[in-house]
Amino acid sequence: MAYDRFAAICKPLHYPLLMNKRNCTLLAASSWITGIVDTIALVDVISHFSFCGSNEINHFFCDPNALLKLSCSDIKNFEILSLSEGVFMAVIPFLLTLLSYIFIIVAILKIHSSEGRKKAYSTCSSHLTIVLIFYGTVTVVYMSPSSMFTPEQDKMFALLYTVIIPMLNPLIYSMRNKEVKNALRKLIFRK
């Protein structure tokens, strides 16, 4: 989405060329393939661990951090792998997204009309909000040492990025819609 916003605001005349069906398919496919390969690699490493004691994972899904707390194996190598994987899967995409938003902000500042700046900013603000919340929580959960948080805190952060953020997505994006804004105003001011 950051690339889509970048193309729409910074290169509006080239947008149909930059966001054609082929490029959209490549962007989506690369995201899916990268996620699948990453997951397979982590599952392969975890499958070689020994587990002893309790077989109950203190989490609401099979999170690697919660699973590692049950392991009797030395997990230092996994933590190094997880950190490097986090750089590749979270930090680099975040920096690329941030870079695209830097270009977008520079382009918005060059727009002469305040109405044009407002429209361009409103196009990006909802996505940027979701990106910052999502990457912030994912970074806290997966890029910090496994002993840093209690299991309850781990579950809280995981709930935030797996349930709350996806639930907020439609709400945040719909706030750009005039009909939704008007209906919300009527609801608030009626009470």
N, C-alpha and C. Protein backbone atom coordinates (compact mmCIF):
# COMPACT_ATOMS: atom_id res chain seq x y z
N MET A 1 0.82 -1.20 0.00
CA MET A 1 0.00 0.00 0.00
C MET A 1 0.86 1.26 0.00
N ALA A 2 2.02 1.20 0.67
CA ALA A 2 2.89 2.37 0.68
C ALA A 2 3.37 2.67 -0.73
N TYR A 3 3.68 1.63 -1.50
CA TYR A 3 4.12 1.84 -2.87
C TYR A 3 2.96 2.40 -3.71
N ASP A 4 1.76 1.90 -3.48
CA ASP A 4 0.59 2.40 -4.18
C ASP A 4 0.38 3.88 -3.89
N ARG A 5 0.49 4.28 -2.61
CA ARG A 5 0.33 5.68 -2.23
C ARG A 5 1.44 6.53 -2.84
N PHE A 6 2.69 5.99 -2.81
CA PHE A 6 3.82 6.68 -3.41
C PHE A 6 3.57 6.94 -4.90
N ALA A 7 3.14 5.89 -5.61
CA ALA A 7 2.89 6.03 -7.05
C ALA A 7 1.76 7.02 -7.31
N ALA A 8 0.70 6.97 -6.48
CA ALA A 8 -0.45 7.84 -6.69
C ALA A 8 -0.13 9.30 -6.43
N ILE A 9 0.69 9.59 -5.44
CA ILE A 9 0.95 10.98 -5.06
C ILE A 9 2.21 11.54 -5.73
N CYS A 10 3.27 10.74 -5.75
CA CYS A 10 4.54 11.25 -6.30
C CYS A 10 4.65 11.10 -7.81
N LYS A 11 3.98 10.12 -8.37
CA LYS A 11 4.05 9.88 -9.82
C LYS A 11 2.65 9.67 -10.39
N PRO A 12 1.76 10.64 -10.23
CA PRO A 12 0.36 10.42 -10.62
C PRO A 12 0.16 10.11 -12.10
N LEU A 13 0.98 10.70 -12.96
CA LEU A 13 0.81 10.44 -14.39
C LEU A 13 1.34 9.05 -14.79
N HIS A 14 2.24 8.51 -13.98
CA HIS A 14 2.80 7.18 -14.26
C HIS A 14 2.06 6.08 -13.50
N TYR A 15 1.07 6.46 -12.69
CA TYR A 15 0.39 5.49 -11.84
C TYR A 15 -0.12 4.26 -12.60
N PRO A 16 -0.82 4.43 -13.72
CA PRO A 16 -1.31 3.23 -14.43
C PRO A 16 -0.18 2.29 -14.89
N LEU A 17 0.98 2.86 -15.18
CA LEU A 17 2.12 2.02 -15.58
C LEU A 17 2.76 1.34 -14.38
N LEU A 18 2.86 2.08 -13.26
CA LEU A 18 3.51 1.53 -12.08
C LEU A 18 2.64 0.51 -11.34
N MET A 19 1.35 0.72 -11.33
CA MET A 19 0.45 -0.17 -10.58
C MET A 19 -0.43 -0.98 -11.54
N ASN A 20 0.18 -1.53 -12.57
CA ASN A 20 -0.58 -2.37 -13.49
C ASN A 20 -0.81 -3.75 -12.86
N LYS A 21 -1.57 -4.58 -13.53
CA LYS A 21 -1.94 -5.89 -12.98
C LYS A 21 -0.70 -6.75 -12.70
N ARG A 22 0.27 -6.70 -13.60
CA ARG A 22 1.49 -7.50 -13.44
C ARG A 22 2.25 -7.09 -12.17
N ASN A 23 2.45 -5.78 -11.98
CA ASN A 23 3.19 -5.31 -10.81
C ASN A 23 2.43 -5.59 -9.51
N CYS A 24 1.13 -5.42 -9.53
CA CYS A 24 0.32 -5.74 -8.34
C CYS A 24 0.44 -7.22 -7.99
N THR A 25 0.40 -8.08 -9.02
CA THR A 25 0.53 -9.52 -8.80
C THR A 25 1.91 -9.85 -8.25
N LEU A 26 2.96 -9.23 -8.79
CA LEU A 26 4.32 -9.45 -8.29
C LEU A 26 4.48 -9.00 -6.84
N LEU A 27 3.92 -7.85 -6.50
CA LEU A 27 4.00 -7.36 -5.12
C LEU A 27 3.28 -8.32 -4.16
N ALA A 28 2.08 -8.73 -4.52
CA ALA A 28 1.32 -9.65 -3.66
C ALA A 28 2.01 -11.01 -3.57
N ALA A 29 2.46 -11.54 -4.70
CA ALA A 29 3.11 -12.85 -4.71
C ALA A 29 4.41 -12.84 -3.91
N SER A 30 5.19 -11.77 -4.03
CA SER A 30 6.44 -11.71 -3.27
C SER A 30 6.16 -11.66 -1.77
N SER A 31 5.11 -10.96 -1.36
CA SER A 31 4.74 -10.94 0.06
C SER A 31 4.36 -12.33 0.55
N TRP A 32 3.52 -13.01 -0.22
CA TRP A 32 3.08 -14.35 0.17
C TRP A 32 4.25 -15.32 0.20
N ILE A 33 5.07 -15.33 -0.83
CA ILE A 33 6.18 -16.28 -0.91
C ILE A 33 7.20 -16.04 0.20
N THR A 34 7.52 -14.78 0.45
CA THR A 34 8.46 -14.45 1.52
C THR A 34 7.92 -14.91 2.87
N GLY A 35 6.64 -14.67 3.13
CA GLY A 35 6.03 -15.11 4.39
C GLY A 35 6.03 -16.62 4.55
N ILE A 36 5.73 -17.33 3.47
CA ILE A 36 5.70 -18.79 3.52
C ILE A 36 7.09 -19.36 3.75
N VAL A 37 8.08 -18.86 3.02
CA VAL A 37 9.46 -19.35 3.18
C VAL A 37 9.96 -19.06 4.59
N ASP A 38 9.68 -17.88 5.10
CA ASP A 38 10.09 -17.52 6.46
C ASP A 38 9.45 -18.45 7.48
N THR A 39 8.18 -18.71 7.34
CA THR A 39 7.47 -19.58 8.28
C THR A 39 8.02 -21.01 8.22
N ILE A 40 8.27 -21.51 7.04
CA ILE A 40 8.82 -22.87 6.89
C ILE A 40 10.18 -22.96 7.57
N ALA A 41 11.02 -21.94 7.40
CA ALA A 41 12.35 -21.95 8.02
C ALA A 41 12.24 -21.97 9.55
N LEU A 42 11.37 -21.14 10.10
CA LEU A 42 11.22 -21.11 11.56
C LEU A 42 10.63 -22.42 12.09
N VAL A 43 9.64 -22.95 11.40
CA VAL A 43 9.03 -24.22 11.83
C VAL A 43 10.06 -25.35 11.78
N ASP A 44 10.90 -25.35 10.76
CA ASP A 44 11.93 -26.39 10.65
C ASP A 44 12.89 -26.33 11.83
N VAL A 45 13.33 -25.14 12.18
CA VAL A 45 14.26 -25.01 13.31
C VAL A 45 13.58 -25.42 14.61
N ILE A 46 12.37 -24.96 14.84
CA ILE A 46 11.65 -25.28 16.08
C ILE A 46 11.35 -26.78 16.17
N SER A 47 11.11 -27.42 15.04
CA SER A 47 10.77 -28.85 15.07
C SER A 47 11.93 -29.71 15.56
N HIS A 48 13.13 -29.19 15.59
CA HIS A 48 14.28 -29.96 16.08
C HIS A 48 14.54 -29.74 17.57
N PHE A 49 13.75 -28.92 18.22
CA PHE A 49 13.92 -28.68 19.65
C PHE A 49 13.32 -29.82 20.45
N SER A 50 13.83 -29.97 21.67
CA SER A 50 13.27 -30.93 22.63
C SER A 50 12.35 -30.16 23.56
N PHE A 51 11.24 -30.80 23.92
CA PHE A 51 10.30 -30.16 24.83
C PHE A 51 10.08 -31.06 26.02
N CYS A 52 10.10 -30.48 27.19
CA CYS A 52 9.90 -31.26 28.40
C CYS A 52 8.97 -30.50 29.33
N GLY A 53 8.42 -31.20 30.28
CA GLY A 53 7.52 -30.54 31.22
C GLY A 53 6.13 -30.37 30.62
N SER A 54 5.56 -29.22 30.88
CA SER A 54 4.20 -28.93 30.44
C SER A 54 4.11 -28.91 28.92
N ASN A 55 2.98 -29.39 28.42
CA ASN A 55 2.75 -29.33 26.97
C ASN A 55 1.66 -28.31 26.62
N GLU A 56 1.34 -27.44 27.56
CA GLU A 56 0.36 -26.39 27.33
C GLU A 56 1.07 -25.09 27.00
N ILE A 57 0.71 -24.52 25.85
CA ILE A 57 1.28 -23.24 25.44
C ILE A 57 0.47 -22.13 26.09
N ASN A 58 1.15 -21.26 26.81
CA ASN A 58 0.48 -20.16 27.50
C ASN A 58 0.27 -18.99 26.52
N HIS A 59 -0.62 -19.23 25.57
CA HIS A 59 -0.90 -18.22 24.55
C HIS A 59 -2.21 -18.58 23.88
N PHE A 60 -2.77 -17.67 23.08
CA PHE A 60 -4.01 -17.98 22.40
C PHE A 60 -3.77 -18.50 20.99
N PHE A 61 -2.51 -18.57 20.54
CA PHE A 61 -2.15 -19.26 19.30
C PHE A 61 -0.72 -19.77 19.47
N CYS A 62 -0.25 -20.58 18.55
CA CYS A 62 1.05 -21.23 18.67
C CYS A 62 2.16 -20.25 18.28
N ASP A 63 2.39 -19.28 19.13
CA ASP A 63 3.40 -18.26 18.89
C ASP A 63 4.79 -18.84 19.18
N PRO A 64 5.77 -18.57 18.33
CA PRO A 64 7.11 -19.12 18.56
C PRO A 64 7.69 -18.76 19.92
N ASN A 65 7.49 -17.52 20.38
CA ASN A 65 8.04 -17.13 21.68
C ASN A 65 7.43 -17.95 22.82
N ALA A 66 6.13 -18.18 22.77
CA ALA A 66 5.48 -18.99 23.80
C ALA A 66 5.93 -20.44 23.71
N LEU A 67 6.12 -20.94 22.51
CA LEU A 67 6.58 -22.31 22.30
C LEU A 67 8.00 -22.50 22.81
N LEU A 68 8.84 -21.51 22.61
CA LEU A 68 10.24 -21.61 23.05
C LEU A 68 10.36 -21.66 24.56
N LYS A 69 9.41 -21.08 25.26
CA LYS A 69 9.46 -21.12 26.73
C LYS A 69 9.24 -22.53 27.26
N LEU A 70 8.70 -23.43 26.43
CA LEU A 70 8.50 -24.82 26.82
C LEU A 70 9.68 -25.71 26.44
N SER A 71 10.62 -25.17 25.70
CA SER A 71 11.73 -25.97 25.17
C SER A 71 12.81 -26.21 26.21
N CYS A 72 13.36 -27.42 26.17
CA CYS A 72 14.51 -27.77 27.01
C CYS A 72 15.81 -27.52 26.26
N SER A 73 15.72 -27.27 24.97
CA SER A 73 16.91 -27.06 24.14
C SER A 73 17.48 -25.67 24.35
N ASP A 74 18.74 -25.51 23.91
CA ASP A 74 19.37 -24.20 23.94
C ASP A 74 18.77 -23.37 22.81
N ILE A 75 18.16 -22.24 23.16
CA ILE A 75 17.45 -21.44 22.15
C ILE A 75 18.22 -20.20 21.72
N LYS A 76 19.48 -20.08 22.15
CA LYS A 76 20.26 -18.89 21.79
C LYS A 76 20.39 -18.75 20.27
N ASN A 77 20.68 -19.84 19.57
CA ASN A 77 20.81 -19.78 18.11
C ASN A 77 19.49 -19.38 17.46
N PHE A 78 18.39 -19.88 18.03
CA PHE A 78 17.08 -19.52 17.48
C PHE A 78 16.81 -18.03 17.69
N GLU A 79 17.19 -17.50 18.85
CA GLU A 79 17.00 -16.07 19.10
C GLU A 79 17.80 -15.22 18.12
N ILE A 80 19.01 -15.67 17.78
CA ILE A 80 19.81 -14.96 16.79
C ILE A 80 19.14 -15.04 15.42
N LEU A 81 18.67 -16.25 15.06
CA LEU A 81 17.95 -16.43 13.79
C LEU A 81 16.69 -15.57 13.77
N SER A 82 15.97 -15.55 14.86
CA SER A 82 14.73 -14.78 14.95
C SER A 82 15.01 -13.28 14.83
N LEU A 83 16.09 -12.83 15.44
CA LEU A 83 16.44 -11.41 15.34
C LEU A 83 16.83 -11.05 13.91
N SER A 84 17.64 -11.89 13.27
CA SER A 84 18.03 -11.59 11.89
C SER A 84 16.83 -11.70 10.95
N GLU A 85 15.96 -12.65 11.21
CA GLU A 85 14.73 -12.78 10.44
C GLU A 85 13.84 -11.56 10.65
N GLY A 86 13.83 -11.04 11.87
CA GLY A 86 13.05 -9.84 12.17
C GLY A 86 13.56 -8.62 11.40
N VAL A 87 14.88 -8.54 11.26
CA VAL A 87 15.45 -7.44 10.47
C VAL A 87 14.99 -7.56 9.02
N PHE A 88 15.05 -8.78 8.49
CA PHE A 88 14.67 -8.99 7.10
C PHE A 88 13.17 -8.85 6.87
N MET A 89 12.36 -9.36 7.80
CA MET A 89 10.91 -9.39 7.59
C MET A 89 10.17 -8.18 8.16
N ALA A 90 10.78 -7.44 9.08
CA ALA A 90 10.08 -6.31 9.70
C ALA A 90 10.81 -4.99 9.49
N VAL A 91 12.09 -4.94 9.81
CA VAL A 91 12.80 -3.67 9.78
C VAL A 91 12.98 -3.16 8.35
N ILE A 92 13.41 -4.02 7.44
CA ILE A 92 13.62 -3.59 6.05
C ILE A 92 12.30 -3.14 5.41
N PRO A 93 11.21 -3.93 5.50
CA PRO A 93 9.94 -3.42 4.95
C PRO A 93 9.47 -2.13 5.62
N PHE A 94 9.68 -2.02 6.94
CA PHE A 94 9.28 -0.80 7.62
C PHE A 94 10.08 0.40 7.11
N LEU A 95 11.39 0.22 6.94
CA LEU A 95 12.22 1.31 6.43
C LEU A 95 11.84 1.69 5.01
N LEU A 96 11.52 0.70 4.18
CA LEU A 96 11.07 1.00 2.82
C LEU A 96 9.73 1.76 2.83
N THR A 97 8.84 1.35 3.72
CA THR A 97 7.56 2.05 3.87
C THR A 97 7.78 3.47 4.36
N LEU A 98 8.66 3.61 5.34
CA LEU A 98 8.98 4.93 5.86
C LEU A 98 9.61 5.81 4.78
N LEU A 99 10.50 5.24 3.98
CA LEU A 99 11.13 5.98 2.89
C LEU A 99 10.08 6.45 1.88
N SER A 100 9.14 5.58 1.55
CA SER A 100 8.10 5.99 0.61
C SER A 100 7.27 7.13 1.20
N TYR A 101 7.02 7.10 2.51
CA TYR A 101 6.25 8.18 3.13
C TYR A 101 7.06 9.47 3.23
N ILE A 102 8.36 9.37 3.33
CA ILE A 102 9.19 10.58 3.29
C ILE A 102 9.04 11.24 1.92
N PHE A 103 9.12 10.45 0.85
CA PHE A 103 8.92 10.99 -0.49
C PHE A 103 7.51 11.56 -0.65
N ILE A 104 6.53 10.88 -0.07
CA ILE A 104 5.15 11.35 -0.15
C ILE A 104 4.99 12.69 0.57
N ILE A 105 5.55 12.81 1.76
CA ILE A 105 5.44 14.06 2.53
C ILE A 105 6.12 15.21 1.78
N VAL A 106 7.30 14.93 1.20
CA VAL A 106 7.97 15.96 0.40
C VAL A 106 7.08 16.38 -0.77
N ALA A 107 6.46 15.41 -1.44
CA ALA A 107 5.58 15.73 -2.57
C ALA A 107 4.35 16.51 -2.10
N ILE A 108 3.80 16.15 -0.95
CA ILE A 108 2.63 16.86 -0.42
C ILE A 108 3.00 18.30 -0.09
N LEU A 109 4.18 18.52 0.47
CA LEU A 109 4.60 19.88 0.82
C LEU A 109 4.79 20.75 -0.42
N LYS A 110 5.03 20.13 -1.56
CA LYS A 110 5.21 20.89 -2.80
C LYS A 110 3.88 21.27 -3.46
N ILE A 111 2.78 20.68 -2.99
CA ILE A 111 1.46 21.01 -3.55
C ILE A 111 1.10 22.43 -3.10
N HIS A 112 0.68 23.25 -4.05
CA HIS A 112 0.44 24.67 -3.75
C HIS A 112 -0.90 24.91 -3.04
N SER A 113 -1.93 24.20 -3.41
CA SER A 113 -3.24 24.46 -2.80
C SER A 113 -3.38 23.70 -1.49
N SER A 114 -3.98 24.36 -0.52
CA SER A 114 -4.19 23.70 0.78
C SER A 114 -5.19 22.55 0.65
N GLU A 115 -6.17 22.70 -0.25
CA GLU A 115 -7.14 21.62 -0.48
C GLU A 115 -6.45 20.39 -1.06
N GLY A 116 -5.52 20.62 -1.98
CA GLY A 116 -4.76 19.50 -2.57
C GLY A 116 -3.89 18.80 -1.54
N ARG A 117 -3.23 19.59 -0.68
CA ARG A 117 -2.40 19.00 0.38
C ARG A 117 -3.26 18.19 1.35
N LYS A 118 -4.42 18.75 1.69
CA LYS A 118 -5.32 18.07 2.63
C LYS A 118 -5.80 16.74 2.04
N LYS A 119 -6.17 16.74 0.77
CA LYS A 119 -6.64 15.53 0.11
C LYS A 119 -5.54 14.47 0.02
N ALA A 120 -4.33 14.90 -0.33
CA ALA A 120 -3.21 13.96 -0.43
C ALA A 120 -2.86 13.40 0.95
N TYR A 121 -2.87 14.26 1.96
CA TYR A 121 -2.56 13.80 3.31
C TYR A 121 -3.62 12.82 3.81
N SER A 122 -4.88 13.10 3.56
CA SER A 122 -5.94 12.20 4.04
C SER A 122 -5.87 10.85 3.36
N THR A 123 -5.33 10.81 2.13
CA THR A 123 -5.17 9.54 1.42
C THR A 123 -4.17 8.64 2.15
N CYS A 124 -3.16 9.25 2.78
CA CYS A 124 -2.07 8.47 3.38
C CYS A 124 -2.16 8.30 4.89
N SER A 125 -2.83 9.19 5.56
CA SER A 125 -2.79 9.19 7.02
C SER A 125 -3.34 7.90 7.63
N SER A 126 -4.40 7.35 7.09
CA SER A 126 -4.96 6.13 7.66
C SER A 126 -3.99 4.97 7.53
N HIS A 127 -3.38 4.82 6.36
CA HIS A 127 -2.43 3.73 6.17
C HIS A 127 -1.20 3.91 7.05
N LEU A 128 -0.71 5.12 7.16
CA LEU A 128 0.47 5.38 7.99
C LEU A 128 0.18 5.07 9.46
N THR A 129 -1.01 5.39 9.92
CA THR A 129 -1.40 5.08 11.30
C THR A 129 -1.35 3.58 11.56
N ILE A 130 -1.94 2.81 10.68
CA ILE A 130 -1.95 1.34 10.82
C ILE A 130 -0.53 0.79 10.75
N VAL A 131 0.27 1.30 9.83
CA VAL A 131 1.65 0.82 9.68
C VAL A 131 2.45 1.05 10.96
N LEU A 132 2.34 2.24 11.53
CA LEU A 132 3.10 2.55 12.74
C LEU A 132 2.67 1.68 13.92
N ILE A 133 1.38 1.50 14.09
CA ILE A 133 0.89 0.65 15.19
C ILE A 133 1.33 -0.79 14.98
N PHE A 134 1.16 -1.31 13.76
CA PHE A 134 1.50 -2.70 13.47
C PHE A 134 2.98 -2.97 13.65
N TYR A 135 3.82 -2.18 12.97
CA TYR A 135 5.26 -2.42 13.06
C TYR A 135 5.78 -2.18 14.48
N GLY A 136 5.19 -1.24 15.18
CA GLY A 136 5.60 -1.00 16.57
C GLY A 136 5.38 -2.22 17.45
N THR A 137 4.20 -2.80 17.38
CA THR A 137 3.91 -3.96 18.23
C THR A 137 4.68 -5.20 17.79
N VAL A 138 4.80 -5.42 16.48
CA VAL A 138 5.55 -6.58 15.99
C VAL A 138 7.01 -6.48 16.40
N THR A 139 7.58 -5.29 16.32
CA THR A 139 8.98 -5.09 16.71
C THR A 139 9.16 -5.35 18.19
N VAL A 140 8.25 -4.86 19.00
CA VAL A 140 8.34 -5.09 20.45
C VAL A 140 8.28 -6.58 20.76
N VAL A 141 7.38 -7.32 20.10
CA VAL A 141 7.20 -8.74 20.41
C VAL A 141 8.35 -9.60 19.89
N TYR A 142 8.75 -9.40 18.63
CA TYR A 142 9.68 -10.33 18.01
C TYR A 142 11.13 -9.87 17.95
N MET A 143 11.40 -8.63 18.25
CA MET A 143 12.77 -8.16 18.17
C MET A 143 13.37 -7.92 19.55
N SER A 144 12.66 -8.28 20.59
CA SER A 144 13.19 -8.13 21.94
C SER A 144 13.50 -9.52 22.51
N PRO A 145 14.39 -9.58 23.49
CA PRO A 145 14.71 -10.90 24.09
C PRO A 145 13.45 -11.57 24.64
N SER A 146 13.41 -12.89 24.56
CA SER A 146 12.21 -13.63 24.98
C SER A 146 11.92 -13.47 26.46
N SER A 147 12.92 -13.12 27.26
CA SER A 147 12.70 -12.98 28.70
C SER A 147 12.24 -11.58 29.09
N MET A 148 12.09 -10.68 28.13
CA MET A 148 11.79 -9.29 28.44
C MET A 148 10.36 -9.09 28.96
N PHE A 149 9.41 -9.88 28.46
CA PHE A 149 8.02 -9.69 28.83
C PHE A 149 7.46 -10.94 29.51
N THR A 150 6.45 -10.72 30.34
CA THR A 150 5.74 -11.84 30.95
C THR A 150 4.84 -12.46 29.88
N PRO A 151 4.39 -13.71 30.10
CA PRO A 151 3.46 -14.32 29.12
C PRO A 151 2.20 -13.48 28.91
N GLU A 152 1.71 -12.83 29.95
CA GLU A 152 0.51 -12.00 29.81
C GLU A 152 0.79 -10.79 28.91
N GLN A 153 1.96 -10.19 29.06
CA GLN A 153 2.31 -9.05 28.20
C GLN A 153 2.49 -9.51 26.75
N ASP A 154 3.12 -10.69 26.57
CA ASP A 154 3.26 -11.25 25.21
C ASP A 154 1.89 -11.43 24.56
N LYS A 155 0.94 -11.97 25.33
CA LYS A 155 -0.41 -12.18 24.79
C LYS A 155 -1.09 -10.85 24.46
N MET A 156 -0.86 -9.84 25.29
CA MET A 156 -1.47 -8.54 25.06
C MET A 156 -0.95 -7.93 23.74
N PHE A 157 0.38 -7.96 23.54
CA PHE A 157 0.94 -7.43 22.31
C PHE A 157 0.49 -8.24 21.10
N ALA A 158 0.46 -9.57 21.24
CA ALA A 158 0.02 -10.42 20.14
C ALA A 158 -1.45 -10.15 19.80
N LEU A 159 -2.26 -9.94 20.81
CA LEU A 159 -3.67 -9.61 20.59
C LEU A 159 -3.79 -8.29 19.83
N LEU A 160 -2.91 -7.36 20.16
CA LEU A 160 -2.94 -6.06 19.50
C LEU A 160 -2.67 -6.19 18.00
N TYR A 161 -1.63 -6.94 17.62
CA TYR A 161 -1.30 -6.97 16.19
C TYR A 161 -2.03 -8.06 15.41
N THR A 162 -2.62 -9.05 16.09
CA THR A 162 -3.35 -10.08 15.34
C THR A 162 -4.86 -9.84 15.30
N VAL A 163 -5.40 -9.11 16.27
CA VAL A 163 -6.85 -8.92 16.34
C VAL A 163 -7.23 -7.44 16.27
N ILE A 164 -6.66 -6.62 17.14
CA ILE A 164 -7.09 -5.23 17.26
C ILE A 164 -6.77 -4.44 15.99
N ILE A 165 -5.55 -4.52 15.49
CA ILE A 165 -5.18 -3.75 14.29
C ILE A 165 -6.01 -4.16 13.08
N PRO A 166 -6.15 -5.47 12.78
CA PRO A 166 -7.03 -5.82 11.66
C PRO A 166 -8.48 -5.37 11.86
N MET A 167 -8.91 -5.35 13.11
CA MET A 167 -10.27 -4.89 13.40
C MET A 167 -10.39 -3.37 13.20
N LEU A 168 -9.32 -2.65 13.51
CA LEU A 168 -9.33 -1.19 13.34
C LEU A 168 -9.21 -0.78 11.87
N ASN A 169 -8.62 -1.63 11.05
CA ASN A 169 -8.41 -1.31 9.63
C ASN A 169 -9.66 -0.76 8.95
N PRO A 170 -10.77 -1.50 8.95
CA PRO A 170 -11.96 -0.96 8.27
C PRO A 170 -12.45 0.34 8.89
N LEU A 171 -12.35 0.44 10.21
CA LEU A 171 -12.81 1.65 10.89
C LEU A 171 -11.95 2.85 10.47
N ILE A 172 -10.64 2.70 10.51
CA ILE A 172 -9.76 3.81 10.17
C ILE A 172 -9.90 4.20 8.70
N TYR A 173 -9.96 3.20 7.81
CA TYR A 173 -10.09 3.51 6.39
C TYR A 173 -11.46 4.09 6.06
N SER A 174 -12.50 3.69 6.79
CA SER A 174 -13.83 4.22 6.50
C SER A 174 -14.00 5.65 6.99
N MET A 175 -13.13 6.11 7.87
CA MET A 175 -13.23 7.49 8.35
C MET A 175 -12.92 8.50 7.25
N ARG A 176 -12.40 8.04 6.11
CA ARG A 176 -12.18 8.92 4.97
C ARG A 176 -13.46 9.11 4.17
N ASN A 177 -14.44 8.27 4.40
CA ASN A 177 -15.69 8.31 3.65
C ASN A 177 -16.61 9.35 4.26
N LYS A 178 -17.10 10.28 3.44
CA LYS A 178 -17.95 11.36 3.95
C LYS A 178 -19.25 10.85 4.56
N GLU A 179 -19.85 9.82 3.95
CA GLU A 179 -21.11 9.29 4.48
C GLU A 179 -20.91 8.69 5.86
N VAL A 180 -19.79 7.99 6.06
CA VAL A 180 -19.51 7.40 7.37
C VAL A 180 -19.28 8.50 8.40
N LYS A 181 -18.53 9.53 8.03
CA LYS A 181 -18.29 10.65 8.94
C LYS A 181 -19.60 11.32 9.34
N ASN A 182 -20.48 11.56 8.36
CA ASN A 182 -21.76 12.20 8.66
C ASN A 182 -22.63 11.33 9.56
N ALA A 183 -22.66 10.04 9.31
CA ALA A 183 -23.44 9.12 10.15
C ALA A 183 -22.89 9.10 11.57
N LEU A 184 -21.56 9.12 11.70
CA LEU A 184 -20.94 9.13 13.02
C LEU A 184 -21.25 10.44 13.76
N ARG A 185 -21.20 11.56 13.06
CA ARG A 185 -21.55 12.84 13.67
C ARG A 185 -22.99 12.83 14.18
N LYS A 186 -23.91 12.31 13.35
CA LYS A 186 -25.32 12.25 13.75
C LYS A 186 -25.48 11.38 14.98
N LEU A 187 -24.77 10.26 15.02
CA LEU A 187 -24.85 9.36 16.16
C LEU A 187 -24.33 10.01 17.44
N ILE A 188 -23.22 10.71 17.33
CA ILE A 188 -22.60 11.35 18.51
C ILE A 188 -23.46 12.51 19.00
N PHE A 189 -23.89 13.38 18.07
CA PHE A 189 -24.62 14.58 18.49
C PHE A 189 -26.06 14.32 18.84
N ARG A 190 -26.61 13.15 18.46
CA ARG A 190 -27.98 12.81 18.85
C ARG A 190 -28.04 12.53 20.33
N LYS A 191 -26.99 11.96 20.88
CA LYS A 191 -26.98 11.64 22.30
C LYS A 191 -26.58 12.87 23.05
